[in-house]
Amino acid sequence: MIRAARAVLLIVAAHLAGFAFAVAAAPVHAALRPTLVAPPPVDVPAAYWEHLHTLPTDPRLAAALVALGHSLALLVPALLGAGVLGLWLAGRAVDADGRIAAWAAPTLALGLACSAVFTGSLIISGWFVWAVWGPGEPPLPLRGAGWDRHLILPTLVLGLRAPAQLAQLGATLLAREAQAPFVIAARSRGMPEWRIRRHVARTVAAPLVMALAATAHLMLAELVIVEAMFAWPGLGAMLADALAPARLSDAPPAAGYLAPPVVALAAALLVALGLVIDGLAAVIARRLDPRMVR
């Protein structure tokens, strides 16, 4: 009950902070761009209270929920793929005696270096090279949304670094547990290797679930970059449009730029999504390992 109340308070605080930030930043932005008209002074408590009263019928709430669905369409497959690939790499990197393979360190270091900015820029550059000098049109679309091939490139960029993070932690845990006294004793008594690996896997499962949750938080932060790169209409793109001004000083800002309800809704939904991820990870980890602190 206390955790639920704390989560609600965090969501409300994020919502209020986003609203107040947009109100405070609007006159500063107008002062830096002479072509814009400075907004009138706003009483933040009164404006926020009015926003809460009109929130259920505000069309921007429905738009934010639709954007949340689009972001989940990227986040869920990227997270699942990262979990499967990371666990497979961790298992391949450690042998039965707990020795880590020589290829693991450079391979995982390369994966950790593949941030969303670097990977996305590389893929976009390759796409344009193919479009100009390739044998035909690129096989995958670069921008736009759709429940088809449009999902592939942004999902790939969003989830490319996460398997290396999970594999690095998983290999370290597996190597440590493979040399634990209970493993050595079980092997000396002739226990089948598959049963030993099953016990070792159960021991390291809970920390890996929590690591997967931490990876999901990193993906949430990178949603802003990935969705802006590939014009994917999710929460990240909504927040980027609301916070990033136009490139040209005389260009008009986007419709939702520094709109307090838009910034507030995007911030609150992202915080709520992070709290849901933490809650699910904690429940699963406690089921896997009851010794974890509640």
Foldseek 3Di string as FASTA:
>chain_A
DVVVVVLVVVLVVLLLVLLVVLLVCQQVLCVVFVVDDRDDHDDSVVVVVVCVVCVVVDVLLVLQVVQAVLLCLLLVVLLVVLLVLLLVLLVVQADLQLHGDPVLVVVLVVLQPLALVNLLVVVVVVQVCCPVPNPHHDPADQADDDPPSLNPVLSCSLRRSSSSQLSVVSNVQLSVLSNDPVNVVCVVVPNDSVVSVVVSCLVCVLVSLVSSLVSSLVSLVCCLVSCVRHVRSHLSVLLCLQDPADPDSPDDRDPNHSPSNSSSSSSSVSSSVSVVSVVVSVVVSCVSPVVDDD
